[in-house]
Amino acid sequence: AEFGIRKNPDSLKIAQAFAEPAIRDAKHSDRFQFVRNGYFCLDSKEGTSDNLIFNRIVSLRSSYKPE
């Protein structure tokens, strides 16, 4: 790893998702919770208006089981 920084090998996993049309109005400072996946923010450097890209900033536990 360069400069002592280790990269997460899962950091480039891509998932396609379908969302409400209103998400097209997302701004860089907005945060979204995508059900059972975590919290995401808009990637304003890589995405385009036709191909929005969101980066996960906090994951949710996948072991959650409702009582």
Protein backbone atom coordinates (compact mmCIF):
# COMPACT_ATOMS: atom_id res chain seq x y z
CA ALA A 1 0.00 0.00 0.00
CA GLU A 2 1.23 3.39 -0.91
CA PHE A 3 2.10 5.79 1.96
CA GLY A 4 0.89 3.26 4.53
CA ILE A 5 -2.72 3.46 3.36
CA ARG A 6 -4.53 0.19 2.79
CA LYS A 7 -7.39 0.16 0.33
CA ASN A 8 -10.54 -1.77 1.01
CA PRO A 9 -10.67 -4.52 -1.66
CA ASP A 10 -14.48 -4.13 -1.71
CA SER A 11 -14.33 -0.38 -2.32
CA LEU A 12 -15.04 -0.69 -6.04
CA LYS A 13 -18.03 -3.01 -5.89
CA ILE A 14 -20.79 -1.75 -8.15
CA ALA A 15 -24.49 -2.36 -7.69
CA GLN A 16 -27.24 -1.15 -9.94
CA ALA A 17 -30.32 0.18 -8.20
CA PHE A 18 -33.64 1.71 -9.08
CA ALA A 19 -34.84 4.74 -7.16
CA GLU A 20 -37.54 7.39 -7.12
CA PRO A 21 -37.22 9.93 -9.96
CA ALA A 22 -36.76 12.73 -7.40
CA ILE A 23 -33.26 11.42 -6.63
CA ARG A 24 -32.10 13.12 -9.86
CA ASP A 25 -32.24 16.40 -7.89
CA ALA A 26 -29.65 15.13 -5.39
CA LYS A 27 -26.98 17.56 -4.29
CA HIS A 28 -23.47 16.74 -3.12
CA SER A 29 -24.32 17.57 0.52
CA ASP A 30 -27.40 15.29 0.58
CA ARG A 31 -27.26 11.92 2.32
CA PHE A 32 -29.50 8.95 1.55
CA GLN A 33 -30.30 5.69 3.26
CA PHE A 34 -30.71 2.86 0.78
CA VAL A 35 -32.70 0.12 2.49
CA ARG A 36 -30.56 -2.54 4.15
CA ASN A 37 -27.37 -1.26 2.51
CA GLY A 38 -26.36 1.86 4.39
CA TYR A 39 -26.02 5.59 4.00
CA PHE A 40 -24.77 7.06 0.75
CA CYS A 41 -23.70 10.42 -0.68
CA LEU A 42 -23.63 11.61 -4.27
CA ASP A 43 -20.30 11.26 -6.09
CA SER A 44 -20.16 14.56 -7.94
CA LYS A 45 -16.79 13.82 -9.58
CA GLU A 46 -17.56 10.49 -11.27
CA GLY A 47 -21.30 10.62 -11.89
CA THR A 48 -23.31 12.43 -14.55
CA SER A 49 -26.93 13.59 -14.65
CA ASP A 50 -27.76 10.46 -16.68
CA ASN A 51 -25.65 8.10 -14.55
CA LEU A 52 -25.74 9.04 -10.88
CA ILE A 53 -23.12 7.43 -8.68
CA PHE A 54 -23.44 7.19 -4.90
CA ASN A 55 -20.68 6.26 -2.48
CA ARG A 56 -21.50 4.34 0.69
CA ILE A 57 -20.38 6.29 3.73
CA VAL A 58 -21.83 4.05 6.47
CA SER A 59 -22.86 0.42 6.12
CA LEU A 60 -25.70 -1.21 8.01
CA ARG A 61 -25.44 -4.51 9.79
CA SER A 62 -26.53 -7.32 7.52
CA SER A 63 -27.26 -9.62 10.45
CA TYR A 64 -30.37 -7.64 11.48
CA LYS A 65 -33.34 -9.93 12.18
CA PRO A 66 -36.70 -8.41 13.14
CA GLU A 67 -38.28 -9.87 16.26
